[in-house]
Amino acid sequence: MSLSVSPSASVSPSASVSLSVSPSASISASPSPSAGYKEYTRGDYAVLPTDSNNLETNYSGQDVTDVATDNDVYVAQSGTDEFVLHQYKDFIGDKGTATLTWKGRTNLASSLSTVYLQIYNYDSDEWDTVDSDDSSAVDTKFTLTASMADLTNYKDDTNVISCRIYQEAV
C-alpha cells in the first residue's frame, strides 16, 4: 500500500496502494513550536504506531511546498501489505477549537480499505478517529474533515496537535 502526495498514482497487481495527500500548509524555520510551526512526516508500517512520534521519513522542503496549496500536486508514500501514513503536527497555541482538513487520493478504492483521519489524544494516549472515507473511487480526489470543538485533550505540552491519515493495503 502506498500513501502519497504526488501528481499521479500507480496501481500494481499486488496489494500495493498509493494514498496521496495535499493538506494546505506552510512550514516555519522556527526550531521550537511557535506560531507558524508545522511538521510533516510519512511512512509505511506493518503495525500502526501507537504514539505521536514522527514517522520514519520527514517531508522534504519540496514536499512541503507541494502540499502548501490545493493544486493537485501530491507527496507519495508507498508500501505493500502495510499501513501507509502521512502525519502532520501543527502549533495551535491557545486556540480551543480547530477544523482538520485533508485532501488527497489513493490508488486503492476506499471501499476496499477505508481511509482514516485521526488526531492524537494526549489524555488517553490513543489516536481518535475523527473522519473516514469508505466510498471514494481509485485516483479520485476526496476530502476528510473534522471540526474539533474542544482541543483540551489533543494538545501536547507545547500546544501542538498531531494528526494522521492512513489506509491499509489489502
N, C-alpha and C. Protein backbone atom coordinates (compact mmCIF):
# COMPACT_ATOMS: atom_id res chain seq x y z
N MET A 1 0.85 -1.16 0.00
CA MET A 1 0.00 0.00 0.00
C MET A 1 0.89 1.22 0.00
N SER A 2 0.47 2.22 -0.64
CA SER A 2 1.27 3.43 -0.70
C SER A 2 0.42 4.63 -0.36
N LEU A 3 0.92 5.43 0.49
CA LEU A 3 0.27 6.67 0.87
C LEU A 3 1.12 7.75 0.25
N SER A 4 0.55 8.57 -0.61
CA SER A 4 1.41 9.52 -1.29
C SER A 4 0.74 10.82 -1.61
N VAL A 5 1.58 11.78 -1.81
CA VAL A 5 1.18 13.08 -2.30
C VAL A 5 2.01 13.26 -3.56
N SER A 6 1.43 13.00 -4.71
CA SER A 6 2.16 13.10 -5.96
C SER A 6 1.20 13.47 -7.06
N PRO A 7 1.74 13.93 -8.22
CA PRO A 7 0.83 14.29 -9.30
C PRO A 7 0.06 13.09 -9.84
N SER A 8 0.57 11.91 -9.63
CA SER A 8 -0.14 10.73 -10.11
C SER A 8 0.14 9.55 -9.20
N ALA A 9 -0.70 8.56 -9.29
CA ALA A 9 -0.53 7.35 -8.51
C ALA A 9 -0.62 6.17 -9.45
N SER A 10 0.07 5.10 -9.09
CA SER A 10 0.04 3.93 -9.96
C SER A 10 -0.58 2.75 -9.24
N VAL A 11 -1.16 1.86 -10.00
CA VAL A 11 -1.77 0.67 -9.44
C VAL A 11 -0.93 -0.51 -9.89
N SER A 12 -0.58 -1.37 -8.95
CA SER A 12 0.15 -2.58 -9.30
C SER A 12 -0.72 -3.78 -9.01
N PRO A 13 -0.39 -4.94 -9.59
CA PRO A 13 -1.22 -6.11 -9.37
C PRO A 13 -1.13 -6.67 -7.95
N SER A 14 -0.12 -6.26 -7.18
CA SER A 14 -0.01 -6.73 -5.80
C SER A 14 -0.87 -5.86 -4.90
N ALA A 15 -0.80 -6.13 -3.61
CA ALA A 15 -1.58 -5.35 -2.65
C ALA A 15 -0.85 -4.05 -2.33
N SER A 16 -0.55 -3.31 -3.34
CA SER A 16 0.14 -2.04 -3.17
C SER A 16 -0.83 -0.92 -3.43
N VAL A 17 -0.78 0.10 -2.59
CA VAL A 17 -1.71 1.20 -2.72
C VAL A 17 -0.94 2.50 -2.59
N SER A 18 -1.41 3.53 -3.23
CA SER A 18 -0.79 4.84 -3.11
C SER A 18 -1.84 5.82 -2.63
N LEU A 19 -1.66 6.33 -1.43
CA LEU A 19 -2.57 7.32 -0.87
C LEU A 19 -1.88 8.66 -0.99
N SER A 20 -2.53 9.60 -1.62
CA SER A 20 -1.93 10.90 -1.88
C SER A 20 -2.57 11.95 -1.01
N VAL A 21 -1.74 12.86 -0.51
CA VAL A 21 -2.26 13.92 0.34
C VAL A 21 -1.83 15.27 -0.16
N SER A 22 -2.68 16.25 0.07
CA SER A 22 -2.38 17.63 -0.26
C SER A 22 -2.98 18.55 0.78
N PRO A 23 -2.48 18.45 2.06
CA PRO A 23 -3.02 19.35 3.06
C PRO A 23 -2.53 20.77 2.80
N SER A 24 -3.36 21.74 3.04
CA SER A 24 -2.95 23.13 2.88
C SER A 24 -2.08 23.49 4.06
N ALA A 25 -0.85 23.95 3.80
CA ALA A 25 0.06 24.20 4.90
C ALA A 25 1.22 25.09 4.51
N SER A 26 1.87 25.60 5.52
CA SER A 26 3.15 26.26 5.34
C SER A 26 4.03 25.79 6.48
N ILE A 27 5.33 25.94 6.35
CA ILE A 27 6.21 25.49 7.42
C ILE A 27 7.13 26.62 7.84
N SER A 28 7.44 26.65 9.11
CA SER A 28 8.27 27.69 9.66
C SER A 28 9.66 27.14 9.92
N ALA A 29 10.66 28.00 9.81
CA ALA A 29 12.03 27.60 10.11
C ALA A 29 12.30 27.63 11.60
N SER A 30 11.32 27.98 12.39
CA SER A 30 11.47 28.05 13.84
C SER A 30 11.81 26.69 14.41
N PRO A 31 12.88 26.59 15.21
CA PRO A 31 13.29 25.29 15.76
C PRO A 31 12.37 24.78 16.85
N SER A 32 11.59 25.64 17.48
CA SER A 32 10.69 25.18 18.52
C SER A 32 9.26 25.54 18.16
N PRO A 33 8.31 24.81 18.68
CA PRO A 33 6.92 25.12 18.35
C PRO A 33 6.54 26.54 18.74
N SER A 34 6.08 27.27 17.75
CA SER A 34 5.58 28.63 17.92
C SER A 34 4.68 28.93 16.75
N ALA A 35 4.13 30.12 16.70
CA ALA A 35 3.21 30.49 15.62
C ALA A 35 3.84 30.15 14.26
N GLY A 36 3.09 29.45 13.42
CA GLY A 36 3.56 29.07 12.09
C GLY A 36 4.23 27.71 12.03
N TYR A 37 4.51 27.08 13.18
CA TYR A 37 5.20 25.78 13.19
C TYR A 37 4.29 24.69 12.66
N LYS A 38 4.79 23.94 11.69
CA LYS A 38 4.12 22.76 11.17
C LYS A 38 5.21 21.73 10.86
N GLU A 39 4.88 20.46 10.97
CA GLU A 39 5.85 19.41 10.69
C GLU A 39 5.12 18.25 10.02
N TYR A 40 5.72 17.72 8.95
CA TYR A 40 5.10 16.65 8.18
C TYR A 40 6.06 15.46 8.08
N THR A 41 5.52 14.26 8.34
CA THR A 41 6.29 13.04 8.16
C THR A 41 5.40 11.99 7.50
N ARG A 42 6.01 10.94 7.01
CA ARG A 42 5.26 9.86 6.36
C ARG A 42 6.00 8.55 6.56
N GLY A 43 5.30 7.43 6.31
CA GLY A 43 5.95 6.14 6.45
C GLY A 43 5.00 4.99 6.15
N ASP A 44 5.57 3.81 6.14
CA ASP A 44 4.81 2.57 5.96
C ASP A 44 5.20 1.62 7.08
N TYR A 45 4.18 0.99 7.68
CA TYR A 45 4.39 0.18 8.88
C TYR A 45 3.54 -1.08 8.84
N ALA A 46 4.08 -2.17 9.36
CA ALA A 46 3.32 -3.42 9.46
C ALA A 46 2.23 -3.28 10.53
N VAL A 47 2.50 -2.48 11.55
CA VAL A 47 1.56 -2.23 12.65
C VAL A 47 1.46 -0.72 12.81
N LEU A 48 0.26 -0.22 13.03
CA LEU A 48 0.08 1.22 13.22
C LEU A 48 0.84 1.70 14.46
N PRO A 49 1.57 2.80 14.35
CA PRO A 49 2.22 3.37 15.53
C PRO A 49 1.16 3.77 16.57
N THR A 50 1.48 3.58 17.83
CA THR A 50 0.52 3.90 18.89
C THR A 50 0.79 5.25 19.53
N ASP A 51 1.93 5.87 19.23
CA ASP A 51 2.25 7.17 19.82
C ASP A 51 2.25 8.25 18.75
N SER A 52 2.57 9.47 19.16
CA SER A 52 2.55 10.60 18.21
C SER A 52 3.95 10.97 17.73
N ASN A 53 4.92 10.09 17.95
CA ASN A 53 6.28 10.36 17.45
C ASN A 53 6.25 10.51 15.94
N ASN A 54 7.20 11.29 15.41
CA ASN A 54 7.28 11.46 13.97
C ASN A 54 7.45 10.12 13.28
N LEU A 55 6.94 10.03 12.05
CA LEU A 55 7.07 8.82 11.26
C LEU A 55 8.48 8.76 10.67
N GLU A 56 8.79 7.69 9.93
CA GLU A 56 10.15 7.40 9.51
C GLU A 56 10.77 8.36 8.50
N THR A 57 9.97 9.07 7.73
CA THR A 57 10.51 9.95 6.69
C THR A 57 9.95 11.36 6.84
N ASN A 58 10.84 12.33 7.01
CA ASN A 58 10.42 13.73 7.04
C ASN A 58 10.10 14.19 5.64
N TYR A 59 9.10 15.05 5.51
CA TYR A 59 8.84 15.69 4.22
C TYR A 59 10.06 16.53 3.87
N SER A 60 10.42 16.52 2.61
CA SER A 60 11.49 17.40 2.13
C SER A 60 10.91 18.81 1.98
N GLY A 61 11.78 19.78 1.77
CA GLY A 61 11.33 21.14 1.52
C GLY A 61 10.39 21.20 0.33
N GLN A 62 10.71 20.43 -0.72
CA GLN A 62 9.85 20.40 -1.90
C GLN A 62 8.50 19.77 -1.58
N ASP A 63 8.49 18.71 -0.75
CA ASP A 63 7.23 18.09 -0.34
C ASP A 63 6.33 19.11 0.36
N VAL A 64 6.91 19.89 1.27
CA VAL A 64 6.14 20.90 2.00
C VAL A 64 5.60 21.93 1.01
N THR A 65 6.43 22.35 0.07
CA THR A 65 5.98 23.30 -0.95
C THR A 65 4.83 22.71 -1.76
N ASP A 66 4.95 21.42 -2.10
CA ASP A 66 3.93 20.77 -2.93
C ASP A 66 2.57 20.71 -2.24
N VAL A 67 2.54 20.57 -0.92
CA VAL A 67 1.25 20.47 -0.23
C VAL A 67 0.78 21.81 0.35
N ALA A 68 1.54 22.87 0.09
CA ALA A 68 1.20 24.17 0.67
C ALA A 68 -0.05 24.78 0.06
N THR A 69 -0.41 24.37 -1.13
CA THR A 69 -1.62 24.88 -1.77
C THR A 69 -2.40 23.72 -2.35
N ASP A 70 -3.65 23.93 -2.56
CA ASP A 70 -4.54 22.92 -3.13
C ASP A 70 -4.44 22.98 -4.66
N ASN A 71 -3.38 22.35 -5.20
CA ASN A 71 -3.12 22.45 -6.63
C ASN A 71 -2.95 21.09 -7.32
N ASP A 72 -3.43 20.04 -6.70
CA ASP A 72 -3.34 18.70 -7.28
C ASP A 72 -1.91 18.20 -7.45
N VAL A 73 -0.97 18.71 -6.65
CA VAL A 73 0.38 18.17 -6.58
C VAL A 73 0.46 17.42 -5.26
N TYR A 74 0.87 16.16 -5.31
CA TYR A 74 0.80 15.30 -4.14
C TYR A 74 2.18 14.77 -3.74
N VAL A 75 2.31 14.33 -2.50
CA VAL A 75 3.51 13.68 -1.97
C VAL A 75 3.17 12.21 -1.76
N ALA A 76 3.99 11.32 -2.25
CA ALA A 76 3.66 9.89 -2.22
C ALA A 76 4.36 9.14 -1.09
N GLN A 77 3.66 8.16 -0.57
CA GLN A 77 4.23 7.18 0.35
C GLN A 77 3.69 5.83 -0.08
N SER A 78 4.58 4.91 -0.38
CA SER A 78 4.12 3.60 -0.83
C SER A 78 4.46 2.52 0.18
N GLY A 79 3.78 1.42 0.04
CA GLY A 79 4.01 0.26 0.89
C GLY A 79 3.17 -0.89 0.37
N THR A 80 3.57 -2.09 0.70
CA THR A 80 2.85 -3.28 0.28
C THR A 80 2.49 -4.10 1.51
N ASP A 81 1.23 -4.49 1.63
CA ASP A 81 0.75 -5.28 2.77
C ASP A 81 1.08 -4.59 4.10
N GLU A 82 0.93 -3.26 4.14
CA GLU A 82 1.25 -2.48 5.32
C GLU A 82 0.24 -1.35 5.45
N PHE A 83 0.37 -0.61 6.53
CA PHE A 83 -0.34 0.65 6.68
C PHE A 83 0.56 1.74 6.11
N VAL A 84 -0.02 2.61 5.31
CA VAL A 84 0.73 3.76 4.81
C VAL A 84 0.13 5.01 5.45
N LEU A 85 1.02 5.89 5.91
CA LEU A 85 0.58 7.01 6.72
C LEU A 85 1.24 8.31 6.31
N HIS A 86 0.51 9.38 6.50
CA HIS A 86 1.04 10.75 6.49
C HIS A 86 0.63 11.32 7.84
N GLN A 87 1.55 12.05 8.47
CA GLN A 87 1.27 12.65 9.77
C GLN A 87 1.67 14.11 9.73
N TYR A 88 0.89 14.95 10.34
CA TYR A 88 1.28 16.35 10.44
C TYR A 88 1.04 16.88 11.84
N LYS A 89 1.91 17.79 12.25
CA LYS A 89 1.82 18.44 13.55
C LYS A 89 1.69 19.93 13.30
N ASP A 90 0.89 20.57 14.13
CA ASP A 90 0.58 21.97 13.93
C ASP A 90 0.52 22.68 15.28
N PHE A 91 1.27 23.78 15.43
CA PHE A 91 1.20 24.59 16.63
C PHE A 91 -0.11 25.37 16.60
N ILE A 92 -0.92 25.22 17.63
CA ILE A 92 -2.20 25.93 17.64
C ILE A 92 -2.31 26.93 18.79
N GLY A 93 -1.26 27.02 19.60
CA GLY A 93 -1.25 28.00 20.69
C GLY A 93 -2.39 27.79 21.66
N ASP A 94 -3.06 28.86 22.00
CA ASP A 94 -4.13 28.77 22.99
C ASP A 94 -5.51 28.56 22.36
N LYS A 95 -5.55 28.28 21.07
CA LYS A 95 -6.84 28.02 20.41
C LYS A 95 -7.52 26.83 21.07
N GLY A 96 -8.82 26.93 21.26
CA GLY A 96 -9.58 25.85 21.88
C GLY A 96 -10.30 24.97 20.88
N THR A 97 -10.39 25.44 19.63
CA THR A 97 -11.09 24.69 18.59
C THR A 97 -10.25 24.67 17.32
N ALA A 98 -10.57 23.75 16.42
CA ALA A 98 -9.87 23.68 15.13
C ALA A 98 -10.71 22.89 14.14
N THR A 99 -10.49 23.15 12.88
CA THR A 99 -11.06 22.33 11.82
C THR A 99 -9.90 21.63 11.12
N LEU A 100 -9.94 20.30 11.11
CA LEU A 100 -8.92 19.49 10.47
C LEU A 100 -9.38 19.17 9.05
N THR A 101 -8.51 19.39 8.08
CA THR A 101 -8.87 19.11 6.68
C THR A 101 -7.72 18.41 6.00
N TRP A 102 -8.02 17.35 5.29
CA TRP A 102 -7.06 16.62 4.48
C TRP A 102 -7.68 16.42 3.11
N LYS A 103 -6.90 16.68 2.06
CA LYS A 103 -7.34 16.43 0.69
C LYS A 103 -6.33 15.50 0.04
N GLY A 104 -6.82 14.47 -0.60
CA GLY A 104 -5.90 13.52 -1.21
C GLY A 104 -6.60 12.53 -2.10
N ARG A 105 -5.85 11.51 -2.44
CA ARG A 105 -6.39 10.41 -3.25
C ARG A 105 -5.56 9.17 -2.97
N THR A 106 -6.07 8.04 -3.45
CA THR A 106 -5.40 6.77 -3.24
C THR A 106 -5.57 5.89 -4.47
N ASN A 107 -4.64 4.97 -4.67
CA ASN A 107 -4.79 4.07 -5.81
C ASN A 107 -5.43 2.74 -5.40
N LEU A 108 -6.02 2.71 -4.20
CA LEU A 108 -6.83 1.58 -3.75
C LEU A 108 -8.16 2.17 -3.33
N ALA A 109 -9.22 1.71 -3.93
CA ALA A 109 -10.55 2.25 -3.61
C ALA A 109 -10.79 2.17 -2.11
N SER A 110 -11.31 3.25 -1.56
CA SER A 110 -11.56 3.24 -0.11
C SER A 110 -12.68 2.27 0.27
N SER A 111 -13.45 1.81 -0.71
CA SER A 111 -14.46 0.78 -0.42
C SER A 111 -13.79 -0.56 -0.11
N LEU A 112 -12.55 -0.73 -0.55
CA LEU A 112 -11.79 -1.95 -0.25
C LEU A 112 -10.97 -1.81 1.03
N SER A 113 -10.58 -0.58 1.34
CA SER A 113 -9.81 -0.29 2.55
C SER A 113 -10.06 1.16 2.93
N THR A 114 -10.71 1.36 4.04
CA THR A 114 -11.11 2.69 4.49
C THR A 114 -9.90 3.59 4.74
N VAL A 115 -10.04 4.87 4.42
CA VAL A 115 -9.02 5.89 4.72
C VAL A 115 -9.49 6.63 5.97
N TYR A 116 -8.58 6.80 6.93
CA TYR A 116 -8.91 7.39 8.23
C TYR A 116 -8.16 8.69 8.48
N LEU A 117 -8.83 9.65 9.10
CA LEU A 117 -8.22 10.86 9.64
C LEU A 117 -8.32 10.74 11.15
N GLN A 118 -7.17 10.85 11.82
CA GLN A 118 -7.15 10.72 13.27
C GLN A 118 -6.38 11.88 13.90
N ILE A 119 -6.69 12.15 15.16
CA ILE A 119 -5.96 13.13 15.96
C ILE A 119 -5.52 12.42 17.24
N TYR A 120 -4.30 12.76 17.69
CA TYR A 120 -3.77 12.10 18.88
C TYR A 120 -4.34 12.73 20.14
N ASN A 121 -4.84 11.87 21.04
CA ASN A 121 -5.41 12.28 22.31
C ASN A 121 -4.34 12.09 23.39
N TYR A 122 -3.77 13.18 23.88
CA TYR A 122 -2.70 13.11 24.87
C TYR A 122 -3.22 12.71 26.25
N ASP A 123 -4.51 12.80 26.49
CA ASP A 123 -5.09 12.37 27.76
C ASP A 123 -5.17 10.84 27.82
N SER A 124 -5.62 10.22 26.73
CA SER A 124 -5.77 8.76 26.71
C SER A 124 -4.57 8.05 26.07
N ASP A 125 -3.65 8.81 25.47
CA ASP A 125 -2.51 8.25 24.74
C ASP A 125 -2.96 7.32 23.63
N GLU A 126 -4.02 7.74 22.91
CA GLU A 126 -4.55 6.96 21.80
C GLU A 126 -4.89 7.88 20.64
N TRP A 127 -4.99 7.31 19.46
CA TRP A 127 -5.43 8.04 18.27
C TRP A 127 -6.94 7.95 18.18
N ASP A 128 -7.61 9.09 18.06
CA ASP A 128 -9.06 9.15 17.92
C ASP A 128 -9.42 9.37 16.45
N THR A 129 -10.27 8.53 15.90
CA THR A 129 -10.75 8.71 14.53
C THR A 129 -11.79 9.82 14.51
N VAL A 130 -11.56 10.82 13.64
CA VAL A 130 -12.48 11.95 13.56
C VAL A 130 -13.20 12.02 12.20
N ASP A 131 -12.71 11.29 11.20
CA ASP A 131 -13.39 11.18 9.91
C ASP A 131 -12.81 9.99 9.17
N SER A 132 -13.57 9.50 8.21
CA SER A 132 -13.10 8.38 7.39
C SER A 132 -13.86 8.39 6.07
N ASP A 133 -13.31 7.68 5.11
CA ASP A 133 -13.96 7.56 3.80
C ASP A 133 -13.89 6.10 3.37
N ASP A 134 -15.05 5.55 3.03
CA ASP A 134 -15.10 4.16 2.57
C ASP A 134 -15.85 4.04 1.24
N SER A 135 -15.88 5.15 0.47
CA SER A 135 -16.66 5.09 -0.77
C SER A 135 -16.00 5.77 -1.97
N SER A 136 -14.82 6.35 -1.81
CA SER A 136 -14.19 7.05 -2.94
C SER A 136 -13.55 6.07 -3.92
N ALA A 137 -13.61 6.44 -5.18
CA ALA A 137 -13.04 5.61 -6.25
C ALA A 137 -11.52 5.78 -6.32
N VAL A 138 -10.88 4.89 -7.01
CA VAL A 138 -9.45 4.93 -7.24
C VAL A 138 -9.06 6.25 -7.92
N ASP A 139 -7.94 6.84 -7.47
CA ASP A 139 -7.38 8.05 -8.07
C ASP A 139 -8.36 9.21 -8.17
N THR A 140 -9.29 9.28 -7.24
CA THR A 140 -10.25 10.37 -7.19
C THR A 140 -9.96 11.22 -5.96
N LYS A 141 -9.82 12.52 -6.15
CA LYS A 141 -9.56 13.42 -5.04
C LYS A 141 -10.78 13.45 -4.12
N PHE A 142 -10.51 13.35 -2.80
CA PHE A 142 -11.58 13.45 -1.82
C PHE A 142 -11.04 14.16 -0.58
N THR A 143 -11.95 14.57 0.28
CA THR A 143 -11.59 15.36 1.46
C THR A 143 -12.09 14.68 2.72
N LEU A 144 -11.24 14.69 3.74
CA LEU A 144 -11.64 14.29 5.09
C LEU A 144 -11.57 15.55 5.94
N THR A 145 -12.56 15.75 6.79
CA THR A 145 -12.59 16.95 7.61
C THR A 145 -13.27 16.67 8.95
N ALA A 146 -12.86 17.41 9.95
CA ALA A 146 -13.47 17.28 11.27
C ALA A 146 -13.40 18.62 11.99
N SER A 147 -14.48 19.00 12.61
CA SER A 147 -14.50 20.19 13.46
C SER A 147 -14.29 19.75 14.89
N MET A 148 -13.22 20.22 15.48
CA MET A 148 -12.89 19.87 16.86
C MET A 148 -13.36 21.01 17.77
N ALA A 149 -14.39 20.76 18.56
CA ALA A 149 -14.98 21.80 19.41
C ALA A 149 -14.18 22.05 20.69
N ASP A 150 -13.38 21.07 21.10
CA ASP A 150 -12.59 21.21 22.33
C ASP A 150 -11.26 20.49 22.16
N LEU A 151 -10.17 21.23 22.13
CA LEU A 151 -8.84 20.65 21.90
C LEU A 151 -8.09 20.33 23.20
N THR A 152 -8.74 20.42 24.32
CA THR A 152 -8.09 20.24 25.62
C THR A 152 -7.23 18.97 25.66
N ASN A 153 -7.75 17.84 25.23
CA ASN A 153 -7.02 16.57 25.32
C ASN A 153 -6.11 16.32 24.12
N TYR A 154 -6.12 17.21 23.15
CA TYR A 154 -5.40 16.97 21.89
C TYR A 154 -4.14 17.80 21.71
N LYS A 155 -3.82 18.67 22.66
CA LYS A 155 -2.59 19.47 22.60
C LYS A 155 -1.52 18.83 23.47
N ASP A 156 -0.27 18.83 22.97
CA ASP A 156 0.81 18.39 23.85
C ASP A 156 1.23 19.57 24.73
N ASP A 157 2.28 19.40 25.52
CA ASP A 157 2.68 20.46 26.45
C ASP A 157 3.27 21.69 25.76
N THR A 158 3.46 21.64 24.43
CA THR A 158 3.94 22.80 23.68
C THR A 158 2.84 23.38 22.78
N ASN A 159 1.59 22.97 23.01
CA ASN A 159 0.43 23.43 22.24
C ASN A 159 0.45 23.01 20.78
N VAL A 160 0.93 21.80 20.54
CA VAL A 160 0.97 21.22 19.19
C VAL A 160 -0.02 20.06 19.14
N ILE A 161 -0.79 19.98 18.05
CA ILE A 161 -1.66 18.83 17.82
C ILE A 161 -1.00 17.94 16.77
N SER A 162 -1.28 16.64 16.84
CA SER A 162 -0.75 15.67 15.88
C SER A 162 -1.92 14.96 15.20
N CYS A 163 -1.91 14.96 13.88
CA CYS A 163 -2.95 14.30 13.09
C CYS A 163 -2.31 13.35 12.11
N ARG A 164 -3.04 12.31 11.74
CA ARG A 164 -2.53 11.39 10.72
C ARG A 164 -3.65 10.92 9.82
N ILE A 165 -3.25 10.52 8.62
CA ILE A 165 -4.15 9.95 7.63
C ILE A 165 -3.53 8.62 7.25
N TYR A 166 -4.34 7.56 7.21
CA TYR A 166 -3.76 6.27 6.84
C TYR A 166 -4.77 5.39 6.13
N GLN A 167 -4.22 4.40 5.43
CA GLN A 167 -5.00 3.37 4.76
C GLN A 167 -4.17 2.09 4.82
N GLU A 168 -4.85 0.96 4.92
CA GLU A 168 -4.16 -0.33 4.96
C GLU A 168 -4.24 -1.00 3.60
N ALA A 169 -3.10 -1.51 3.13
CA ALA A 169 -3.10 -2.26 1.88
C ALA A 169 -3.78 -3.61 2.13
N VAL A 170 -4.66 -3.98 1.24
CA VAL A 170 -5.36 -5.26 1.37
C VAL A 170 -5.24 -6.04 0.09
